[in-house]
């Protein structure tokens, strides 16, 4: 459990909060490239409690700016996007992608007055179908993270984001929880799935190591990107199944997969303290990804705002008969099952009344590093620096090996991910 003070520190990410200021020093996925067209309709985006507007100008550049016009506060979302800028519908004030005021047609003499107007804007970078932003101080901007999947062909990837109705921390904790798959995602009968696809929309085959092994033995290692969470379960009569989850500080993950299965990368970005942008990048290592099969197994149906149509209001379309005959939850769709578990905790779960067990080891470590880092950050220490060379080759894998072997022998941490200790000269 956490104290109420630490829970507040962990979960509050708005402007001026310690965790929010820390998160702003990392690159954040904001929108998909396809969401913005040249001189097209702007897009409202909420990130870390800030109301922003994104637009693509005449030259194809992306702007991410404060939604409120600095004149009288009218929403620039309703403005006109053309001529390399967005123009407020109220008095015609115009701003470019960097937040520079380029025109004030409501004033006879606008020279020095216009030059004094500057709208808050954030730098953007488009990589692998995603528009990323950095919201922290310019002098603290880190190198852009080069994740493994970014260099795969476009047809090998499926990129999606969804609005989730709860705090980012409980969403991310779910992703680090090995044991929940054996219950929340368990299908009662064998499932036929296509090549590379982990599950059906009912759930994971009961013979898969993620499902057949509650509880599993677990360990957590420190790495140069965050944490590696290892689990060991029964594979066959003579072999164990060795699995891993990668937690990349501060809000990225790779959930567990085995060789031959499509990989998945997540980012859990606070929209505000009560909702999260959950990013899913599914990727096939050496072939085109089966988009239809992945959509079906995830089960998400979204409206124009990327909010789920299967949600708490309609009880996630739970079928009580299906719960007896088909799967553990009575809910179809792996993502819907996850969202049902995390959203029904409430917008921000009270961690001071929890009762954690040994199966919660990765969750405990995630909270610990976040709180350690944010408290050090409050003292003026530098934030955790990601090792970009590691990110280029990092993804979750799994293997089977003799059940007499320790996980350290069968599934050691690769050297490039280890924290290199400084050499002390004697």
Protein backbone atom coordinates (compact mmCIF):
# COMPACT_ATOMS: atom_id res chain seq x y z
CA UNK A 1 0.00 0.00 0.00
CA UNK A 2 0.98 3.65 -0.30
CA UNK A 3 0.41 6.55 2.03
CA UNK A 4 -2.23 9.01 0.90
CA UNK A 5 0.55 11.56 0.36
CA UNK A 6 2.55 9.22 -1.90
CA UNK A 7 -0.59 8.20 -3.77
CA UNK A 8 -1.28 11.86 -4.46
CA UNK A 9 2.30 12.40 -5.57
CA UNK A 10 2.07 9.38 -7.89
CA UNK A 11 -1.24 10.25 -9.51
CA UNK A 12 -1.29 14.05 -9.92
CA UNK A 13 0.29 15.16 -13.20
CA UNK A 14 -1.19 18.58 -14.01
CA UNK A 15 0.84 21.77 -14.53
CA UNK A 16 3.00 22.58 -11.52
CA UNK A 17 2.77 19.13 -9.89
CA UNK A 18 6.04 17.25 -9.25
CA UNK A 19 5.09 14.19 -11.31
CA UNK A 20 3.62 16.36 -14.04
CA UNK A 21 6.81 18.41 -14.27
CA UNK A 22 8.86 15.20 -14.39
CA UNK A 23 6.70 13.67 -17.14
CA UNK A 24 7.06 16.84 -19.20
CA UNK A 25 10.78 16.08 -19.54
CA UNK A 26 10.09 13.01 -21.72
CA UNK A 27 8.77 12.68 -25.26
CA UNK A 28 5.01 12.10 -25.32
CA UNK A 29 2.87 10.59 -28.12
CA UNK A 30 0.09 13.11 -28.76
CA UNK A 31 -1.79 12.18 -31.95
CA UNK A 32 -1.61 9.89 -34.94
CA UNK A 33 -0.24 11.46 -38.12
CA UNK A 34 -3.47 10.66 -39.95
CA UNK A 35 -5.54 12.76 -37.54
CA UNK A 36 -4.35 16.06 -39.06
CA UNK A 37 -4.64 17.30 -42.67
CA UNK A 38 -3.01 20.33 -44.27
CA UNK A 39 -5.25 23.35 -43.66
CA UNK A 40 -7.78 20.89 -42.25
CA UNK A 41 -9.90 20.81 -39.14
CA UNK A 42 -7.90 21.40 -35.92
CA UNK A 43 -7.91 18.77 -33.19
CA UNK A 44 -8.50 19.33 -29.48
CA UNK A 45 -5.92 17.46 -27.42
CA UNK A 46 -5.74 17.23 -23.64
CA UNK A 47 -2.34 16.26 -22.22
CA UNK A 48 -1.22 16.35 -18.59
CA UNK A 49 -4.22 18.50 -17.68
CA UNK A 50 -3.56 21.09 -20.40
CA UNK A 51 -6.16 21.98 -23.06
CA UNK A 52 -4.33 22.18 -26.39
CA UNK A 53 -5.13 22.43 -30.09
CA UNK A 54 -3.21 20.66 -32.83
CA UNK A 55 -3.26 21.64 -36.50
CA UNK A 56 -1.27 20.99 -39.68
CA UNK A 57 -0.47 24.16 -41.59
CA UNK A 58 -0.28 24.82 -45.32
CA UNK A 59 3.31 23.55 -45.48
CA UNK A 60 2.52 20.38 -43.56
CA UNK A 61 4.09 21.50 -40.27
CA UNK A 62 2.27 20.52 -37.08
CA UNK A 63 1.43 23.02 -34.37
CA UNK A 64 0.48 22.08 -30.81
CA UNK A 65 -0.65 25.23 -29.02
CA UNK A 66 -2.74 26.50 -26.13
CA UNK A 67 -6.41 26.16 -27.01
CA UNK A 68 -7.30 29.61 -25.64
CA UNK A 69 -6.67 32.71 -27.72
CA UNK A 70 -4.60 35.11 -25.58
CA UNK A 71 -6.91 37.99 -26.56
CA UNK A 72 -10.16 37.08 -24.80
CA UNK A 73 -9.91 33.31 -24.31
CA UNK A 74 -11.98 32.02 -27.24
CA UNK A 75 -11.19 28.44 -28.28
CA UNK A 76 -8.88 28.31 -31.28
CA UNK A 77 -10.30 24.88 -32.10
CA UNK A 78 -13.14 26.76 -33.80
CA UNK A 79 -10.72 28.95 -35.76
CA UNK A 80 -9.69 28.99 -39.41
CA UNK A 81 -6.65 26.91 -40.37
CA UNK A 82 -5.15 28.30 -43.59
CA UNK A 83 -2.30 30.42 -44.85
CA UNK A 84 0.27 28.80 -42.53
CA UNK A 85 -1.57 29.56 -39.31
CA UNK A 86 -4.74 29.29 -37.28
CA UNK A 87 -6.97 32.35 -37.00
CA UNK A 88 -9.31 32.96 -34.06
CA UNK A 89 -12.94 33.21 -35.14
CA UNK A 90 -13.64 36.03 -32.63
CA UNK A 91 -11.36 38.89 -33.75
CA UNK A 92 -9.13 37.28 -36.37
CA UNK A 93 -5.90 37.03 -34.40
CA UNK A 94 -3.64 34.56 -36.17
CA UNK A 95 -0.88 32.27 -34.86
CA UNK A 96 1.67 30.01 -36.53
CA UNK A 97 2.79 26.55 -35.41
CA UNK A 98 5.32 28.06 -32.98
CA UNK A 99 2.67 30.19 -31.27
CA UNK A 100 3.93 33.42 -32.84
CA UNK A 101 1.21 35.98 -33.44
CA UNK A 102 1.40 36.83 -37.15
CA UNK A 103 -1.68 39.06 -37.56
CA UNK A 104 -4.00 41.19 -35.41
CA UNK A 105 -6.48 42.60 -37.94
CA UNK A 106 -8.70 44.03 -35.19
CA UNK A 107 -6.05 46.66 -34.36
CA UNK A 108 -5.15 49.66 -36.57
CA UNK A 109 -1.51 49.65 -35.42
CA UNK A 110 -0.40 46.22 -34.41
CA UNK A 111 3.42 46.28 -34.65
CA UNK A 112 4.84 46.31 -31.12
CA UNK A 113 1.58 45.04 -29.63
CA UNK A 114 1.54 42.01 -31.94
CA UNK A 115 5.20 41.29 -31.26
CA UNK A 116 4.47 41.17 -27.52
CA UNK A 117 1.90 38.38 -27.97
CA UNK A 118 3.20 34.82 -27.70
CA UNK A 119 0.96 31.77 -27.44
CA UNK A 120 2.14 28.71 -25.53
CA UNK A 121 3.31 26.08 -28.00
CA UNK A 122 5.14 22.77 -27.81
CA UNK A 123 7.63 21.29 -30.31
CA UNK A 124 6.49 18.27 -32.30
CA UNK A 125 8.14 15.45 -34.18
CA UNK A 126 6.46 12.94 -36.51
CA UNK A 127 7.87 9.43 -36.36
CA UNK A 128 6.35 6.12 -37.44
CA UNK A 129 2.79 7.42 -37.80
CA UNK A 130 2.75 9.28 -34.46
CA UNK A 131 3.01 12.99 -33.68
CA UNK A 132 5.16 13.33 -30.56
CA UNK A 133 5.65 16.35 -28.36
CA UNK A 134 7.96 17.56 -25.63
CA UNK A 135 6.32 19.75 -22.97
CA UNK A 136 9.25 20.55 -20.69
CA UNK A 137 11.95 23.22 -20.58
CA UNK A 138 13.82 23.57 -23.87
CA UNK A 139 17.21 23.24 -22.19
CA UNK A 140 16.19 19.89 -20.65
CA UNK A 141 14.91 18.28 -23.86
CA UNK A 142 16.22 14.70 -24.09
CA UNK A 143 17.17 12.82 -27.27
CA UNK A 144 14.16 11.43 -29.10
CA UNK A 145 13.60 7.77 -28.06
CA UNK A 146 14.21 5.35 -30.91
CA UNK A 147 12.00 2.38 -30.06
CA UNK A 148 12.57 -0.94 -31.82
CA UNK A 149 9.24 -0.98 -33.67
CA UNK A 150 9.84 2.44 -35.25
CA UNK A 151 12.25 0.96 -37.81
CA UNK A 152 9.87 -1.79 -38.93
CA UNK A 153 7.99 -1.41 -42.25
CA UNK A 154 4.67 0.41 -42.05
CA UNK A 155 2.72 -2.74 -42.94
CA UNK A 156 4.20 -4.51 -39.92
CA UNK A 157 2.58 -2.10 -37.45
CA UNK A 158 -0.84 -1.17 -36.13
CA UNK A 159 -0.97 2.10 -34.17
CA UNK A 160 -4.00 3.11 -32.08
CA UNK A 161 -4.88 5.31 -29.11
CA UNK A 162 -7.94 5.22 -26.88
CA UNK A 163 -9.36 7.45 -24.14
CA UNK A 164 -9.45 5.46 -20.89
CA UNK A 165 -11.55 6.67 -17.96
CA UNK A 166 -9.13 6.41 -15.04
CA UNK A 167 -5.76 7.62 -13.80
CA UNK A 168 -2.68 6.60 -15.79
CA UNK A 169 -1.06 4.72 -12.86
CA UNK A 170 -3.73 2.03 -12.53
CA UNK A 171 -3.69 1.52 -16.31
CA UNK A 172 0.07 1.04 -16.32
CA UNK A 173 -0.01 -1.19 -13.24
CA UNK A 174 -2.34 -3.52 -15.11
CA UNK A 175 0.23 -3.87 -17.87
CA UNK A 176 2.91 -4.97 -15.38
CA UNK A 177 0.66 -7.52 -13.69
CA UNK A 178 1.51 -11.05 -14.94
CA UNK A 179 -1.08 -12.89 -12.90
CA UNK A 180 -4.17 -10.98 -14.05
CA UNK A 181 -3.99 -12.69 -17.48
CA UNK A 182 -4.73 -16.07 -15.87
CA UNK A 183 -8.08 -14.73 -14.72
CA UNK A 184 -9.17 -11.59 -16.58
CA UNK A 185 -8.08 -12.87 -20.02
CA UNK A 186 -8.72 -16.59 -19.61
CA UNK A 187 -10.83 -18.38 -22.22
CA UNK A 188 -12.42 -21.56 -20.89
CA UNK A 189 -11.81 -23.62 -24.06
CA UNK A 190 -9.02 -23.84 -26.64
CA UNK A 191 -8.93 -20.88 -29.04
CA UNK A 192 -8.06 -20.93 -32.73
CA UNK A 193 -5.96 -17.89 -33.57
CA UNK A 194 -4.12 -16.72 -36.68
CA UNK A 195 -0.36 -16.59 -37.00
CA UNK A 196 1.23 -14.25 -34.49
CA UNK A 197 -2.04 -13.38 -32.73
CA UNK A 198 -1.99 -13.87 -28.95
CA UNK A 199 -5.72 -14.41 -28.36
CA UNK A 200 -9.23 -14.43 -29.68
CA UNK A 201 -11.79 -11.83 -28.60
CA UNK A 202 -12.85 -14.29 -25.88
CA UNK A 203 -9.39 -14.46 -24.38
CA UNK A 204 -6.13 -16.39 -24.23
CA UNK A 205 -6.01 -20.14 -24.80
CA UNK A 206 -6.02 -21.96 -21.43
CA UNK A 207 -2.81 -23.79 -22.40
CA UNK A 208 -0.82 -20.61 -22.97
CA UNK A 209 1.81 -20.01 -20.23
CA UNK A 210 0.29 -16.61 -19.42
CA UNK A 211 -2.97 -18.31 -18.47
CA UNK A 212 -2.10 -21.76 -17.13
CA UNK A 213 0.33 -20.55 -14.46
CA UNK A 214 -1.23 -18.74 -11.52
CA UNK A 215 0.78 -18.00 -9.50
CA UNK A 216 4.17 -17.59 -11.22
CA UNK A 217 7.60 -17.00 -9.72
CA UNK A 218 8.67 -13.43 -10.34
CA UNK A 219 11.75 -11.22 -10.18
CA UNK A 220 12.53 -7.62 -11.13
CA UNK A 221 15.85 -6.29 -12.43
CA UNK A 222 17.16 -2.74 -12.72
CA UNK A 223 18.11 -1.79 -16.29
CA UNK A 224 19.34 1.24 -18.21
CA UNK A 225 15.80 1.88 -19.46
CA UNK A 226 13.84 1.16 -16.26
CA UNK A 227 12.83 -2.31 -15.06
CA UNK A 228 12.78 -5.82 -16.47
CA UNK A 229 10.10 -7.97 -14.86
CA UNK A 230 10.65 -11.74 -15.22
CA UNK A 231 8.13 -14.51 -14.61
CA UNK A 232 8.67 -18.27 -14.57
CA UNK A 233 5.79 -20.69 -15.04
CA UNK A 234 5.20 -24.29 -16.08
CA UNK A 235 5.69 -24.81 -19.81
CA UNK A 236 5.72 -28.57 -20.33
CA UNK A 237 6.47 -31.61 -18.15
CA UNK A 238 10.19 -30.95 -18.47
CA UNK A 239 10.38 -27.25 -19.30
CA UNK A 240 9.52 -23.96 -17.69
CA UNK A 241 8.19 -20.95 -19.55
CA UNK A 242 10.29 -17.83 -19.04
CA UNK A 243 8.53 -14.50 -19.73
CA UNK A 244 9.41 -10.82 -19.47
CA UNK A 245 7.75 -7.41 -19.25
CA UNK A 246 9.76 -4.26 -19.90
CA UNK A 247 8.86 -1.11 -18.01
CA UNK A 248 10.52 1.83 -19.75
CA UNK A 249 10.59 4.89 -17.54
CA UNK A 250 8.35 6.77 -17.06
CA UNK A 251 5.22 5.58 -18.95
CA UNK A 252 6.11 3.09 -21.69
CA UNK A 253 5.85 -0.74 -21.55
CA UNK A 254 6.30 -3.93 -23.54
CA UNK A 255 3.88 -6.60 -22.18
CA UNK A 256 4.89 -10.30 -22.32
CA UNK A 257 5.13 -12.19 -25.61
CA UNK A 258 6.74 -15.38 -26.92
CA UNK A 259 8.70 -15.94 -30.11
CA UNK A 260 6.38 -15.99 -33.13
CA UNK A 261 3.79 -13.78 -31.44
CA UNK A 262 3.21 -10.20 -32.52
CA UNK A 263 4.77 -7.72 -30.12
CA UNK A 264 3.03 -4.87 -28.36
CA UNK A 265 4.29 -1.52 -27.07
CA UNK A 266 2.22 0.73 -24.82
CA UNK A 267 2.37 4.31 -23.67
CA UNK A 268 0.10 5.52 -20.88
CA UNK A 269 -0.14 9.30 -21.07
CA UNK A 270 -2.21 11.22 -18.51
CA UNK A 271 -4.96 13.15 -20.23
CA UNK A 272 -5.68 14.60 -16.83
CA UNK A 273 -5.68 13.03 -13.37
CA UNK A 274 -8.91 11.14 -14.12
CA UNK A 275 -8.32 9.85 -17.65
CA UNK A 276 -5.53 8.41 -19.78
CA UNK A 277 -4.49 8.22 -23.41
CA UNK A 278 -3.63 4.54 -23.82
CA UNK A 279 -1.43 3.98 -26.86
CA UNK A 280 -1.13 0.54 -28.47
CA UNK A 281 1.46 -0.28 -31.11
CA UNK A 282 1.15 -3.87 -32.25
CA UNK A 283 3.94 -5.08 -34.49
CA UNK A 284 5.02 -8.16 -36.41
CA UNK A 285 8.78 -8.61 -36.64
CA UNK A 286 9.09 -10.06 -40.13
CA UNK A 287 5.74 -9.83 -41.97
CA UNK A 288 2.68 -7.67 -42.45
CA UNK A 289 0.47 -7.55 -39.37
CA UNK A 290 -3.06 -8.98 -39.55
CA UNK A 291 -4.99 -5.78 -38.80
CA UNK A 292 -8.44 -7.37 -38.80
CA UNK A 293 -7.43 -10.17 -36.42
CA UNK A 294 -5.76 -7.73 -34.03
CA UNK A 295 -8.77 -5.40 -34.07
CA UNK A 296 -11.12 -8.29 -33.37
CA UNK A 297 -9.13 -9.66 -30.43
CA UNK A 298 -8.79 -6.21 -28.84
CA UNK A 299 -12.52 -5.54 -29.28
CA UNK A 300 -12.42 -1.73 -29.11
CA UNK A 301 -15.16 0.31 -30.75
CA UNK A 302 -14.45 4.04 -30.58
CA UNK A 303 -16.37 7.23 -31.29
CA UNK A 304 -14.95 10.37 -32.93
CA UNK A 305 -13.35 11.44 -29.65
CA UNK A 306 -11.68 8.02 -29.30
CA UNK A 307 -13.89 7.15 -26.34
CA UNK A 308 -15.09 3.57 -26.04
CA UNK A 309 -18.63 2.65 -27.02
CA UNK A 310 -18.33 -0.50 -24.90
CA UNK A 311 -17.86 1.04 -21.48
CA UNK A 312 -18.94 1.29 -17.86
CA UNK A 313 -22.32 2.80 -18.78
CA UNK A 314 -23.33 -0.36 -20.64
CA UNK A 315 -21.39 -2.63 -18.23
CA UNK A 316 -18.83 -3.44 -20.96
CA UNK A 317 -21.52 -5.56 -22.68
CA UNK A 318 -20.93 -8.28 -20.09
CA UNK A 319 -22.75 -11.53 -20.82
CA UNK A 320 -23.28 -13.60 -17.66
CA UNK A 321 -23.92 -16.80 -19.62
CA UNK A 322 -20.70 -16.27 -21.56
CA UNK A 323 -18.95 -15.87 -18.21
CA UNK A 324 -19.95 -19.45 -17.38
CA UNK A 325 -19.30 -21.05 -20.75
CA UNK A 326 -16.82 -18.91 -22.67
CA UNK A 327 -14.40 -16.91 -20.55
CA UNK A 328 -13.67 -15.68 -17.07
CA UNK A 329 -15.24 -12.22 -17.47
CA UNK A 330 -18.20 -12.58 -19.80
CA UNK A 331 -16.69 -9.63 -21.72
CA UNK A 332 -15.44 -9.88 -25.29
CA UNK A 333 -12.24 -8.14 -26.29
CA UNK A 334 -8.91 -8.23 -24.47
CA UNK A 335 -8.76 -4.43 -24.25
CA UNK A 336 -12.34 -4.21 -22.98
CA UNK A 337 -11.48 -6.70 -20.25
CA UNK A 338 -8.48 -4.60 -19.17
CA UNK A 339 -10.49 -1.39 -19.18
CA UNK A 340 -13.29 -2.96 -17.17
CA UNK A 341 -10.82 -4.01 -14.47
CA UNK A 342 -9.02 -0.67 -14.21
CA UNK A 343 -11.95 1.71 -14.69
CA UNK A 344 -14.19 0.01 -12.14
CA UNK A 345 -11.55 0.81 -9.50
CA UNK A 346 -12.72 4.42 -9.82
CA UNK A 347 -10.99 7.40 -11.43
CA UNK A 348 -8.14 7.33 -8.89
CA UNK A 349 -7.80 4.23 -6.73
CA UNK A 350 -7.03 4.70 -3.03
CA UNK A 351 -3.76 2.77 -2.63
CA UNK A 352 -3.70 3.35 1.14
CA UNK A 353 -6.29 0.60 1.62
CA UNK A 354 -4.78 -2.05 -0.68
CA UNK A 355 -3.55 -5.48 0.35
CA UNK A 356 -0.69 -6.34 -2.01
CA UNK A 357 0.75 -9.84 -2.34
CA UNK A 358 3.86 -11.44 -3.81
CA UNK A 359 2.22 -11.48 -7.25
CA UNK A 360 2.29 -7.67 -7.23
CA UNK A 361 6.10 -7.44 -7.28
CA UNK A 362 6.40 -5.62 -10.66
CA UNK A 363 3.72 -3.11 -9.62
CA UNK A 364 5.57 -2.41 -6.38
CA UNK A 365 8.82 -1.81 -8.28
CA UNK A 366 7.14 0.50 -10.79
CA UNK A 367 5.67 2.64 -8.03
CA UNK A 368 8.97 2.63 -6.18
CA UNK A 369 11.05 3.94 -9.08
CA UNK A 370 8.46 6.57 -9.98
CA UNK A 371 8.32 7.86 -6.41
CA UNK A 372 12.09 7.69 -5.97
CA UNK A 373 12.65 9.61 -9.17
CA UNK A 374 10.03 12.27 -8.53
CA UNK A 375 11.28 12.87 -4.99
CA UNK A 376 14.85 13.19 -6.29
CA UNK A 377 13.55 15.52 -9.00
CA UNK A 378 11.95 17.69 -6.30
CA UNK A 379 15.40 18.03 -4.75
CA UNK A 380 16.85 19.30 -8.02
CA UNK A 381 18.45 16.05 -9.17
CA UNK A 382 18.50 15.08 -12.86
CA UNK A 383 15.73 12.89 -14.21
CA UNK A 384 16.29 9.26 -15.30
CA UNK A 385 18.00 9.25 -18.70
CA UNK A 386 16.92 6.53 -21.14
CA UNK A 387 19.63 4.64 -23.03
CA UNK A 388 18.68 5.12 -26.68
CA UNK A 389 20.97 2.38 -27.98
CA UNK A 390 19.10 -0.07 -25.75
CA UNK A 391 15.68 1.07 -26.96
CA UNK A 392 16.62 0.27 -30.58
CA UNK A 393 16.74 -3.47 -29.88
CA UNK A 394 14.39 -3.83 -26.91
CA UNK A 395 11.12 -5.78 -27.04
CA UNK A 396 9.52 -8.51 -24.93
CA UNK A 397 10.36 -12.10 -25.69
CA UNK A 398 9.87 -15.46 -24.03
CA UNK A 399 11.28 -18.96 -24.19
CA UNK A 400 11.04 -22.53 -22.92
CA UNK A 401 13.99 -24.19 -21.19
CA UNK A 402 14.78 -26.98 -18.75
CA UNK A 403 12.80 -26.67 -15.54
CA UNK A 404 15.96 -27.31 -13.53
CA UNK A 405 17.47 -24.01 -14.67
CA UNK A 406 17.18 -20.78 -12.78
CA UNK A 407 15.75 -17.81 -14.63
CA UNK A 408 19.16 -16.13 -14.40
CA UNK A 409 20.72 -19.02 -16.37
CA UNK A 410 17.90 -19.62 -18.81
CA UNK A 411 16.84 -16.04 -19.45
CA UNK A 412 19.62 -13.62 -18.46
CA UNK A 413 19.43 -9.88 -19.04
CA UNK A 414 21.35 -9.02 -22.19
CA UNK A 415 24.51 -7.05 -21.64
CA UNK A 416 23.34 -3.99 -23.59
CA UNK A 417 20.49 -3.47 -21.11
CA UNK A 418 22.56 -3.72 -17.97
CA UNK A 419 23.46 -0.70 -15.87
CA UNK A 420 27.19 -0.25 -16.31
CA UNK A 421 28.90 0.48 -13.03
CA UNK A 422 31.68 3.07 -13.20
CA UNK A 423 35.19 1.68 -13.07
CA UNK A 424 36.95 2.73 -9.89
CA UNK A 425 40.65 3.32 -10.38
CA UNK A 426 42.79 2.14 -7.53
